[in-house]
Amino acid sequence: MKRTELKHPFFVVIGPSGSGKTKVAEAVFPASYKVISHTTRPIRKEETDEIDYYFESEDRFEKLLTTGALAEHDTYHGYQYGVGRAELIEKTSDHYAYDVLTIKGFQAIENQFGNRVIPIFLEVSKENVLARLQTRDEDTKIILQRGALYDQEIKNKSKVIEYTNSYIINANQPFENVVNDVKQVVNETLKIKLR
């Protein structure tokens, strides 16, 4: 019989574009604990297929949607993203897992799997977001688009705090402090779950 529940916590890192979500998550969690999302976004030069994402064609992604293979899906900057249901259940079968998602993605998964889905919101100032995007050598047009999205994305903090198991992390501090704060959240959550 197929399992339809999560045996261990699933940590979801959320925050505005440029908040450092991916880098923080990679510094906190073991790489093998990542639930790899599917996306139609083109692969970046520093990325690897099946490690950073499953890079899909539009047709392949549509098939994942129509067959119900995705636990959540969202469109971000014109590209589709989604988490595979089977991989999410498999990755949480022996230990906790994590991913970096949008608020919509988190809510869809939390709606299906309940309080084992733990949101960690990285709160950061617009000034820091714009500075970080500029250091990524992003196209000026993309920086402006993401800067405009900031006001909308920072509002997600109020949605996240509605969940009992939520955590808000100050991501304006030095990177090492942010990483340590997220590690503390993970350790506290695991201690509570183990009792």
N, C-alpha and C. Protein backbone atom coordinates (compact mmCIF):
# COMPACT_ATOMS: atom_id res chain seq x y z
N MET A 1 0.83 -1.18 0.00
CA MET A 1 0.00 0.00 0.00
C MET A 1 0.88 1.25 0.00
N LYS A 2 0.55 2.20 -0.85
CA LYS A 2 1.33 3.43 -0.93
C LYS A 2 1.04 4.33 0.25
N ARG A 3 2.11 4.91 0.82
CA ARG A 3 1.95 5.83 1.92
C ARG A 3 1.53 7.20 1.39
N THR A 4 0.63 7.86 2.08
CA THR A 4 0.16 9.18 1.65
C THR A 4 0.43 10.25 2.70
N GLU A 5 1.22 9.91 3.73
CA GLU A 5 1.56 10.86 4.77
C GLU A 5 3.07 11.05 4.82
N LEU A 6 3.49 12.14 5.44
CA LEU A 6 4.92 12.37 5.64
C LEU A 6 5.31 11.78 6.99
N LYS A 7 6.34 10.94 7.00
CA LYS A 7 6.80 10.34 8.26
C LYS A 7 7.65 11.31 9.08
N HIS A 8 8.32 12.20 8.40
CA HIS A 8 9.21 13.15 9.06
C HIS A 8 8.92 14.57 8.55
N PRO A 9 9.39 15.59 9.27
CA PRO A 9 9.10 16.97 8.86
C PRO A 9 9.65 17.32 7.47
N PHE A 10 8.94 18.23 6.83
CA PHE A 10 9.36 18.79 5.55
C PHE A 10 9.49 20.30 5.76
N PHE A 11 10.73 20.79 5.75
CA PHE A 11 11.00 22.22 5.96
C PHE A 11 10.91 22.95 4.62
N VAL A 12 10.14 24.03 4.61
CA VAL A 12 9.98 24.83 3.40
C VAL A 12 10.54 26.22 3.67
N VAL A 13 11.57 26.59 2.92
CA VAL A 13 12.19 27.91 3.06
C VAL A 13 11.50 28.85 2.07
N ILE A 14 10.99 29.98 2.61
CA ILE A 14 10.22 30.94 1.83
C ILE A 14 10.82 32.33 2.06
N GLY A 15 10.72 33.18 1.07
CA GLY A 15 11.17 34.56 1.24
C GLY A 15 11.20 35.27 -0.09
N PRO A 16 11.35 36.58 -0.06
CA PRO A 16 11.43 37.34 -1.32
C PRO A 16 12.61 36.88 -2.18
N SER A 17 12.48 37.06 -3.47
CA SER A 17 13.57 36.79 -4.39
C SER A 17 14.76 37.64 -3.96
N GLY A 18 15.94 37.03 -3.83
CA GLY A 18 17.12 37.76 -3.38
C GLY A 18 17.32 37.74 -1.88
N SER A 19 16.47 37.00 -1.16
CA SER A 19 16.60 36.93 0.31
C SER A 19 17.67 35.94 0.74
N GLY A 20 18.19 35.17 -0.21
CA GLY A 20 19.24 34.20 0.11
C GLY A 20 18.70 32.82 0.43
N LYS A 21 17.44 32.56 0.07
CA LYS A 21 16.77 31.29 0.40
C LYS A 21 17.59 30.06 0.01
N THR A 22 18.01 30.03 -1.24
CA THR A 22 18.68 28.83 -1.75
C THR A 22 20.04 28.64 -1.08
N LYS A 23 20.83 29.71 -0.98
CA LYS A 23 22.16 29.60 -0.35
C LYS A 23 22.05 29.21 1.12
N VAL A 24 21.09 29.79 1.83
CA VAL A 24 20.90 29.45 3.24
C VAL A 24 20.50 27.98 3.36
N ALA A 25 19.54 27.55 2.56
CA ALA A 25 19.08 26.16 2.62
C ALA A 25 20.23 25.20 2.33
N GLU A 26 21.05 25.52 1.34
CA GLU A 26 22.17 24.65 0.99
C GLU A 26 23.21 24.59 2.11
N ALA A 27 23.34 25.67 2.89
CA ALA A 27 24.30 25.69 4.00
C ALA A 27 23.76 24.98 5.24
N VAL A 28 22.45 24.88 5.36
CA VAL A 28 21.83 24.29 6.55
C VAL A 28 21.58 22.79 6.38
N PHE A 29 21.03 22.41 5.26
CA PHE A 29 20.54 21.04 5.07
C PHE A 29 21.49 20.18 4.24
N PRO A 30 21.57 18.88 4.55
CA PRO A 30 22.35 17.98 3.68
C PRO A 30 21.75 17.97 2.27
N ALA A 31 22.60 17.97 1.26
CA ALA A 31 22.14 18.01 -0.13
C ALA A 31 21.18 16.86 -0.45
N SER A 32 21.45 15.69 0.13
CA SER A 32 20.62 14.51 -0.17
C SER A 32 19.22 14.62 0.44
N TYR A 33 18.98 15.61 1.31
CA TYR A 33 17.67 15.78 1.95
C TYR A 33 16.75 16.70 1.14
N LYS A 34 17.27 17.22 0.04
CA LYS A 34 16.48 18.15 -0.78
C LYS A 34 15.44 17.41 -1.60
N VAL A 35 14.21 17.91 -1.58
CA VAL A 35 13.18 17.43 -2.48
C VAL A 35 13.36 18.27 -3.74
N ILE A 36 13.77 17.63 -4.80
CA ILE A 36 14.10 18.35 -6.03
C ILE A 36 12.82 18.69 -6.78
N SER A 37 12.65 19.99 -7.04
CA SER A 37 11.47 20.47 -7.76
C SER A 37 11.65 20.32 -9.26
N HIS A 38 10.52 20.29 -9.95
CA HIS A 38 10.50 20.30 -11.42
C HIS A 38 10.31 21.75 -11.86
N THR A 39 10.93 22.13 -12.98
CA THR A 39 10.71 23.48 -13.51
C THR A 39 10.84 23.51 -15.02
N THR A 40 10.17 24.48 -15.61
CA THR A 40 10.31 24.73 -17.05
C THR A 40 11.33 25.85 -17.29
N ARG A 41 11.91 26.40 -16.22
CA ARG A 41 12.91 27.46 -16.35
C ARG A 41 14.17 26.90 -17.01
N PRO A 42 14.81 27.68 -17.87
CA PRO A 42 16.07 27.22 -18.48
C PRO A 42 17.14 27.00 -17.40
N ILE A 43 17.98 26.04 -17.62
CA ILE A 43 19.06 25.75 -16.69
C ILE A 43 20.09 26.87 -16.72
N ARG A 44 20.59 27.27 -15.53
CA ARG A 44 21.65 28.28 -15.45
C ARG A 44 23.00 27.59 -15.53
N LYS A 45 24.03 28.34 -15.86
CA LYS A 45 25.35 27.74 -16.10
C LYS A 45 25.91 26.99 -14.89
N GLU A 46 25.55 27.42 -13.67
CA GLU A 46 26.10 26.77 -12.47
C GLU A 46 25.22 25.62 -11.97
N GLU A 47 24.14 25.33 -12.67
CA GLU A 47 23.19 24.30 -12.21
C GLU A 47 23.39 22.96 -12.90
N THR A 48 22.89 21.92 -12.25
CA THR A 48 22.95 20.56 -12.79
C THR A 48 21.55 19.96 -12.76
N ASP A 49 21.14 19.39 -13.89
CA ASP A 49 19.83 18.72 -13.97
C ASP A 49 19.80 17.55 -12.98
N GLU A 50 18.69 17.38 -12.33
CA GLU A 50 18.42 16.31 -11.36
C GLU A 50 19.16 16.52 -10.03
N ILE A 51 19.84 17.66 -9.88
CA ILE A 51 20.45 18.03 -8.60
C ILE A 51 19.83 19.33 -8.11
N ASP A 52 19.85 20.35 -8.98
CA ASP A 52 19.24 21.63 -8.62
C ASP A 52 17.73 21.59 -8.88
N TYR A 53 17.35 21.10 -10.03
CA TYR A 53 15.95 20.93 -10.44
C TYR A 53 15.88 19.78 -11.43
N TYR A 54 14.66 19.31 -11.66
CA TYR A 54 14.39 18.50 -12.84
C TYR A 54 13.94 19.51 -13.89
N PHE A 55 14.79 19.76 -14.87
CA PHE A 55 14.46 20.74 -15.90
C PHE A 55 13.59 20.05 -16.96
N GLU A 56 12.36 20.54 -17.09
CA GLU A 56 11.34 19.89 -17.92
C GLU A 56 10.94 20.76 -19.10
N SER A 57 10.50 20.11 -20.17
CA SER A 57 9.87 20.83 -21.27
C SER A 57 8.46 21.21 -20.83
N GLU A 58 7.84 22.14 -21.54
CA GLU A 58 6.45 22.52 -21.24
C GLU A 58 5.53 21.30 -21.34
N ASP A 59 5.74 20.47 -22.36
CA ASP A 59 4.90 19.28 -22.54
C ASP A 59 5.05 18.30 -21.39
N ARG A 60 6.29 18.06 -20.99
CA ARG A 60 6.54 17.12 -19.89
C ARG A 60 5.93 17.65 -18.58
N PHE A 61 6.05 18.95 -18.34
CA PHE A 61 5.48 19.52 -17.12
C PHE A 61 3.96 19.40 -17.15
N GLU A 62 3.38 19.64 -18.30
CA GLU A 62 1.91 19.53 -18.44
C GLU A 62 1.46 18.10 -18.14
N LYS A 63 2.26 17.12 -18.55
CA LYS A 63 1.92 15.72 -18.27
C LYS A 63 1.98 15.44 -16.76
N LEU A 64 2.97 16.01 -16.07
CA LEU A 64 3.06 15.86 -14.62
C LEU A 64 1.80 16.43 -13.95
N LEU A 65 1.33 17.56 -14.47
CA LEU A 65 0.13 18.19 -13.92
C LEU A 65 -1.11 17.32 -14.16
N THR A 66 -1.28 16.88 -15.38
CA THR A 66 -2.51 16.14 -15.73
C THR A 66 -2.57 14.76 -15.10
N THR A 67 -1.43 14.19 -14.76
CA THR A 67 -1.44 12.86 -14.13
C THR A 67 -1.49 12.94 -12.61
N GLY A 68 -1.51 14.16 -12.05
CA GLY A 68 -1.57 14.32 -10.60
C GLY A 68 -0.27 13.97 -9.90
N ALA A 69 0.84 14.02 -10.64
CA ALA A 69 2.13 13.64 -10.06
C ALA A 69 2.71 14.71 -9.15
N LEU A 70 2.17 15.93 -9.23
CA LEU A 70 2.73 17.03 -8.45
C LEU A 70 1.90 17.31 -7.19
N ALA A 71 2.58 17.48 -6.07
CA ALA A 71 1.91 17.84 -4.81
C ALA A 71 1.56 19.32 -4.80
N GLU A 72 2.29 20.10 -5.58
CA GLU A 72 2.02 21.54 -5.71
C GLU A 72 2.63 22.00 -7.01
N HIS A 73 2.11 23.11 -7.51
CA HIS A 73 2.74 23.75 -8.66
C HIS A 73 2.42 25.23 -8.64
N ASP A 74 3.31 26.01 -9.22
CA ASP A 74 3.14 27.45 -9.24
C ASP A 74 3.88 28.00 -10.46
N THR A 75 3.51 29.21 -10.84
CA THR A 75 4.20 29.91 -11.92
C THR A 75 4.94 31.08 -11.30
N TYR A 76 6.22 31.21 -11.62
CA TYR A 76 7.05 32.26 -11.05
C TYR A 76 7.92 32.83 -12.16
N HIS A 77 7.83 34.13 -12.39
CA HIS A 77 8.57 34.80 -13.46
C HIS A 77 8.33 34.12 -14.82
N GLY A 78 7.11 33.65 -15.04
CA GLY A 78 6.74 33.07 -16.33
C GLY A 78 7.12 31.61 -16.52
N TYR A 79 7.74 30.99 -15.52
CA TYR A 79 8.11 29.58 -15.61
C TYR A 79 7.32 28.78 -14.59
N GLN A 80 7.09 27.52 -14.91
CA GLN A 80 6.34 26.66 -14.00
C GLN A 80 7.29 25.88 -13.09
N TYR A 81 6.84 25.69 -11.86
CA TYR A 81 7.60 24.94 -10.85
C TYR A 81 6.64 23.99 -10.17
N GLY A 82 7.14 22.85 -9.71
CA GLY A 82 6.29 21.93 -8.97
C GLY A 82 7.09 20.87 -8.23
N VAL A 83 6.51 20.38 -7.13
CA VAL A 83 7.14 19.33 -6.32
C VAL A 83 6.41 18.02 -6.58
N GLY A 84 7.18 16.99 -6.90
CA GLY A 84 6.60 15.67 -7.14
C GLY A 84 6.12 15.03 -5.84
N ARG A 85 4.90 14.55 -5.85
CA ARG A 85 4.30 13.91 -4.67
C ARG A 85 5.10 12.68 -4.22
N ALA A 86 5.47 11.83 -5.16
CA ALA A 86 6.19 10.59 -4.81
C ALA A 86 7.55 10.90 -4.19
N GLU A 87 8.26 11.88 -4.74
CA GLU A 87 9.58 12.22 -4.20
C GLU A 87 9.45 12.83 -2.80
N LEU A 88 8.45 13.66 -2.58
CA LEU A 88 8.23 14.26 -1.27
C LEU A 88 7.99 13.18 -0.22
N ILE A 89 7.16 12.24 -0.51
CA ILE A 89 6.86 11.15 0.44
C ILE A 89 8.10 10.28 0.64
N GLU A 90 8.79 9.97 -0.44
CA GLU A 90 10.00 9.14 -0.35
C GLU A 90 11.09 9.82 0.46
N LYS A 91 11.35 11.10 0.19
CA LYS A 91 12.44 11.82 0.88
C LYS A 91 12.18 11.96 2.37
N THR A 92 10.92 11.96 2.80
CA THR A 92 10.61 12.10 4.23
C THR A 92 10.36 10.76 4.89
N SER A 93 10.66 9.67 4.21
CA SER A 93 10.38 8.35 4.80
C SER A 93 11.39 7.96 5.88
N ASP A 94 12.67 8.37 5.75
CA ASP A 94 13.69 7.99 6.73
C ASP A 94 14.21 9.16 7.57
N HIS A 95 13.98 10.39 7.12
CA HIS A 95 14.48 11.58 7.81
C HIS A 95 13.72 12.79 7.29
N TYR A 96 13.97 13.94 7.91
CA TYR A 96 13.34 15.16 7.42
C TYR A 96 13.87 15.50 6.03
N ALA A 97 13.16 16.40 5.35
CA ALA A 97 13.58 16.88 4.02
C ALA A 97 13.30 18.37 3.94
N TYR A 98 13.72 18.97 2.83
CA TYR A 98 13.51 20.41 2.67
C TYR A 98 13.38 20.78 1.21
N ASP A 99 12.87 21.99 0.98
CA ASP A 99 12.87 22.60 -0.35
C ASP A 99 12.65 24.10 -0.17
N VAL A 100 12.95 24.84 -1.22
CA VAL A 100 12.72 26.28 -1.27
C VAL A 100 11.53 26.48 -2.19
N LEU A 101 10.43 27.05 -1.65
CA LEU A 101 9.20 27.17 -2.43
C LEU A 101 8.57 28.55 -2.29
N THR A 102 7.57 28.80 -3.11
CA THR A 102 6.76 30.01 -2.97
C THR A 102 5.74 29.77 -1.85
N ILE A 103 5.09 30.83 -1.42
CA ILE A 103 4.05 30.70 -0.39
C ILE A 103 2.92 29.80 -0.91
N LYS A 104 2.57 29.94 -2.16
CA LYS A 104 1.50 29.13 -2.75
C LYS A 104 1.89 27.64 -2.72
N GLY A 105 3.15 27.36 -3.05
CA GLY A 105 3.62 25.98 -3.02
C GLY A 105 3.57 25.40 -1.62
N PHE A 106 4.07 26.18 -0.65
CA PHE A 106 4.01 25.74 0.74
C PHE A 106 2.57 25.46 1.16
N GLN A 107 1.66 26.39 0.88
CA GLN A 107 0.26 26.23 1.31
C GLN A 107 -0.39 25.00 0.70
N ALA A 108 -0.09 24.71 -0.55
CA ALA A 108 -0.67 23.52 -1.20
C ALA A 108 -0.18 22.25 -0.52
N ILE A 109 1.11 22.19 -0.19
CA ILE A 109 1.66 21.00 0.46
C ILE A 109 1.17 20.90 1.90
N GLU A 110 1.14 22.01 2.62
CA GLU A 110 0.66 22.00 4.00
C GLU A 110 -0.81 21.57 4.05
N ASN A 111 -1.58 21.99 3.07
CA ASN A 111 -2.99 21.62 2.99
C ASN A 111 -3.18 20.11 2.86
N GLN A 112 -2.25 19.46 2.18
CA GLN A 112 -2.33 18.00 1.99
C GLN A 112 -1.70 17.21 3.13
N PHE A 113 -0.61 17.75 3.69
CA PHE A 113 0.18 16.96 4.65
C PHE A 113 0.21 17.52 6.07
N GLY A 114 -0.42 18.66 6.30
CA GLY A 114 -0.59 19.17 7.65
C GLY A 114 0.66 19.71 8.31
N ASN A 115 0.68 19.58 9.65
CA ASN A 115 1.71 20.27 10.43
C ASN A 115 3.10 19.64 10.39
N ARG A 116 3.30 18.62 9.59
CA ARG A 116 4.67 18.12 9.37
C ARG A 116 5.39 19.01 8.35
N VAL A 117 4.66 19.93 7.75
CA VAL A 117 5.24 20.88 6.79
C VAL A 117 5.54 22.16 7.56
N ILE A 118 6.82 22.49 7.68
CA ILE A 118 7.29 23.59 8.54
C ILE A 118 7.80 24.75 7.68
N PRO A 119 7.10 25.90 7.70
CA PRO A 119 7.59 27.05 6.92
C PRO A 119 8.61 27.88 7.69
N ILE A 120 9.69 28.24 6.99
CA ILE A 120 10.72 29.13 7.54
C ILE A 120 10.81 30.32 6.59
N PHE A 121 10.37 31.48 7.05
CA PHE A 121 10.34 32.67 6.21
C PHE A 121 11.56 33.53 6.49
N LEU A 122 12.29 33.88 5.42
CA LEU A 122 13.46 34.75 5.55
C LEU A 122 13.02 36.18 5.28
N GLU A 123 13.02 36.99 6.33
CA GLU A 123 12.61 38.39 6.22
C GLU A 123 13.84 39.24 5.93
N VAL A 124 13.76 40.05 4.89
CA VAL A 124 14.91 40.84 4.45
C VAL A 124 14.42 42.18 3.91
N SER A 125 15.24 43.22 4.03
CA SER A 125 14.86 44.55 3.54
C SER A 125 14.97 44.61 2.01
N LYS A 126 14.21 45.52 1.44
CA LYS A 126 14.25 45.70 -0.02
C LYS A 126 15.65 46.14 -0.47
N GLU A 127 16.31 46.97 0.33
CA GLU A 127 17.66 47.44 -0.01
C GLU A 127 18.63 46.26 -0.11
N ASN A 128 18.55 45.34 0.84
CA ASN A 128 19.43 44.16 0.81
C ASN A 128 19.10 43.25 -0.37
N VAL A 129 17.83 43.09 -0.67
CA VAL A 129 17.42 42.27 -1.82
C VAL A 129 18.02 42.83 -3.10
N LEU A 130 17.87 44.13 -3.33
CA LEU A 130 18.39 44.74 -4.56
C LEU A 130 19.91 44.64 -4.63
N ALA A 131 20.58 44.82 -3.51
CA ALA A 131 22.05 44.70 -3.48
C ALA A 131 22.48 43.28 -3.82
N ARG A 132 21.79 42.28 -3.27
CA ARG A 132 22.15 40.88 -3.54
C ARG A 132 21.89 40.51 -5.00
N LEU A 133 20.79 41.00 -5.56
CA LEU A 133 20.49 40.70 -6.96
C LEU A 133 21.56 41.30 -7.87
N GLN A 134 22.07 42.47 -7.51
CA GLN A 134 23.11 43.10 -8.32
C GLN A 134 24.42 42.30 -8.26
N THR A 135 24.72 41.69 -7.12
CA THR A 135 25.96 40.89 -7.02
C THR A 135 25.85 39.58 -7.80
N ARG A 136 24.62 39.16 -8.14
CA ARG A 136 24.42 37.94 -8.93
C ARG A 136 24.67 38.18 -10.41
N ASP A 137 24.96 39.43 -10.79
CA ASP A 137 25.11 39.80 -12.20
C ASP A 137 23.84 39.54 -12.98
N GLU A 138 22.71 39.75 -12.33
CA GLU A 138 21.43 39.58 -13.01
C GLU A 138 21.25 40.71 -14.02
N ASP A 139 20.50 40.45 -15.05
CA ASP A 139 20.11 41.45 -16.03
C ASP A 139 19.36 42.58 -15.32
N THR A 140 19.59 43.82 -15.73
CA THR A 140 18.94 44.98 -15.09
C THR A 140 17.43 44.85 -15.12
N LYS A 141 16.89 44.34 -16.21
CA LYS A 141 15.43 44.16 -16.34
C LYS A 141 14.91 43.19 -15.27
N ILE A 142 15.65 42.11 -15.04
CA ILE A 142 15.26 41.10 -14.03
C ILE A 142 15.34 41.72 -12.64
N ILE A 143 16.37 42.50 -12.37
CA ILE A 143 16.51 43.16 -11.06
C ILE A 143 15.31 44.07 -10.80
N LEU A 144 14.92 44.84 -11.82
CA LEU A 144 13.77 45.73 -11.67
C LEU A 144 12.48 44.95 -11.44
N GLN A 145 12.30 43.84 -12.18
CA GLN A 145 11.10 43.00 -12.01
C GLN A 145 11.05 42.43 -10.60
N ARG A 146 12.17 41.90 -10.15
CA ARG A 146 12.19 41.28 -8.82
C ARG A 146 12.07 42.32 -7.71
N GLY A 147 12.62 43.50 -7.94
CA GLY A 147 12.46 44.58 -6.98
C GLY A 147 10.99 44.98 -6.86
N ALA A 148 10.30 45.01 -7.99
CA ALA A 148 8.87 45.33 -7.99
C ALA A 148 8.06 44.24 -7.28
N LEU A 149 8.52 43.01 -7.37
CA LEU A 149 7.83 41.88 -6.72
C LEU A 149 8.03 41.87 -5.21
N TYR A 150 9.08 42.54 -4.74
CA TYR A 150 9.42 42.50 -3.32
C TYR A 150 8.23 42.88 -2.44
N ASP A 151 7.57 43.99 -2.77
CA ASP A 151 6.46 44.47 -1.94
C ASP A 151 5.37 43.41 -1.80
N GLN A 152 5.14 42.68 -2.86
CA GLN A 152 4.15 41.59 -2.83
C GLN A 152 4.68 40.40 -2.01
N GLU A 153 5.93 40.03 -2.25
CA GLU A 153 6.49 38.84 -1.60
C GLU A 153 6.70 39.02 -0.09
N ILE A 154 7.03 40.23 0.34
CA ILE A 154 7.27 40.43 1.77
C ILE A 154 5.96 40.31 2.55
N LYS A 155 4.84 40.54 1.89
CA LYS A 155 3.52 40.38 2.54
C LYS A 155 3.25 38.93 2.92
N ASN A 156 3.99 38.00 2.31
CA ASN A 156 3.79 36.59 2.63
C ASN A 156 4.15 36.26 4.07
N LYS A 157 4.93 37.14 4.70
CA LYS A 157 5.27 36.93 6.11
C LYS A 157 3.99 36.82 6.95
N SER A 158 3.01 37.70 6.68
CA SER A 158 1.77 37.67 7.46
C SER A 158 0.98 36.38 7.22
N LYS A 159 1.14 35.78 6.06
CA LYS A 159 0.48 34.50 5.78
C LYS A 159 1.20 33.37 6.52
N VAL A 160 2.52 33.42 6.53
CA VAL A 160 3.32 32.37 7.16
C VAL A 160 3.06 32.31 8.67
N ILE A 161 2.98 33.47 9.32
CA ILE A 161 2.83 33.46 10.78
C ILE A 161 1.48 32.94 11.24
N GLU A 162 0.55 32.75 10.31
CA GLU A 162 -0.75 32.16 10.67
C GLU A 162 -0.62 30.66 10.99
N TYR A 163 0.48 30.04 10.57
CA TYR A 163 0.67 28.61 10.78
C TYR A 163 1.38 28.37 12.12
N THR A 164 0.89 27.40 12.87
CA THR A 164 1.40 27.11 14.21
C THR A 164 2.90 26.84 14.22
N ASN A 165 3.38 26.07 13.26
CA ASN A 165 4.79 25.65 13.24
C ASN A 165 5.69 26.58 12.44
N SER A 166 5.32 27.84 12.30
CA SER A 166 6.09 28.74 11.43
C SER A 166 7.23 29.43 12.18
N TYR A 167 8.23 29.84 11.41
CA TYR A 167 9.38 30.56 11.95
C TYR A 167 9.73 31.72 11.02
N ILE A 168 10.03 32.87 11.60
CA ILE A 168 10.48 34.04 10.85
C ILE A 168 11.94 34.29 11.24
N ILE A 169 12.80 34.36 10.23
CA ILE A 169 14.23 34.56 10.46
C ILE A 169 14.64 35.91 9.90
N ASN A 170 15.39 36.68 10.67
CA ASN A 170 15.92 37.95 10.19
C ASN A 170 17.08 37.67 9.23
N ALA A 171 16.83 37.86 7.95
CA ALA A 171 17.85 37.58 6.94
C ALA A 171 18.66 38.82 6.56
N ASN A 172 18.52 39.90 7.35
CA ASN A 172 19.35 41.09 7.15
C ASN A 172 20.69 40.96 7.86
N GLN A 173 20.82 39.96 8.72
CA GLN A 173 22.06 39.76 9.47
C GLN A 173 23.10 39.08 8.59
N PRO A 174 24.33 39.00 9.07
CA PRO A 174 25.36 38.28 8.30
C PRO A 174 24.91 36.84 7.99
N PHE A 175 25.35 36.36 6.84
CA PHE A 175 24.94 35.04 6.33
C PHE A 175 25.09 33.94 7.39
N GLU A 176 26.22 33.92 8.09
CA GLU A 176 26.49 32.87 9.08
C GLU A 176 25.44 32.88 10.20
N ASN A 177 24.99 34.09 10.58
CA ASN A 177 23.97 34.20 11.62
C ASN A 177 22.63 33.67 11.14
N VAL A 178 22.30 33.96 9.88
CA VAL A 178 21.05 33.45 9.31
C VAL A 178 21.09 31.92 9.29
N VAL A 179 22.21 31.38 8.83
CA VAL A 179 22.37 29.91 8.77
C VAL A 179 22.23 29.31 10.17
N ASN A 180 22.87 29.92 11.16
CA ASN A 180 22.78 29.41 12.54
C ASN A 180 21.35 29.48 13.08
N ASP A 181 20.62 30.56 12.76
CA ASP A 181 19.24 30.68 13.21
C ASP A 181 18.35 29.60 12.59
N VAL A 182 18.57 29.32 11.31
CA VAL A 182 17.76 28.28 10.65
C VAL A 182 18.13 26.91 11.21
N LYS A 183 19.42 26.66 11.46
CA LYS A 183 19.84 25.39 12.07
C LYS A 183 19.18 25.20 13.44
N GLN A 184 19.08 26.27 14.19
CA GLN A 184 18.44 26.20 15.51
C GLN A 184 16.96 25.84 15.38
N VAL A 185 16.28 26.41 14.40
CA VAL A 185 14.87 26.08 14.13
C VAL A 185 14.74 24.58 13.83
N VAL A 186 15.60 24.09 12.95
CA VAL A 186 15.56 22.67 12.57
C VAL A 186 15.79 21.79 13.80
N ASN A 187 16.81 22.10 14.59
CA ASN A 187 17.11 21.30 15.77
C ASN A 187 15.98 21.32 16.79
N GLU A 188 15.40 22.49 17.02
CA GLU A 188 14.27 22.59 17.96
C GLU A 188 13.07 21.79 17.47
N THR A 189 12.79 21.89 16.17
CA THR A 189 11.65 21.17 15.59
C THR A 189 11.85 19.66 15.72
N LEU A 190 13.06 19.21 15.43
CA LEU A 190 13.33 17.76 15.51
C LEU A 190 13.24 17.27 16.95
N LYS A 191 13.67 18.07 17.91
CA LYS A 191 13.56 17.67 19.33
C LYS A 191 12.09 17.54 19.71
N ILE A 192 11.26 18.49 19.31
CA ILE A 192 9.83 18.44 19.62
C ILE A 192 9.18 17.22 18.98
N LYS A 193 9.53 16.96 17.72
CA LYS A 193 8.93 15.83 16.99
C LYS A 193 9.36 14.48 17.58
N LEU A 194 10.56 14.44 18.18
CA LEU A 194 11.08 13.18 18.71
C LEU A 194 10.50 12.84 20.07
N ARG A 195 9.88 13.79 20.73
CA ARG A 195 9.32 13.55 22.09
C ARG A 195 8.09 12.69 22.02
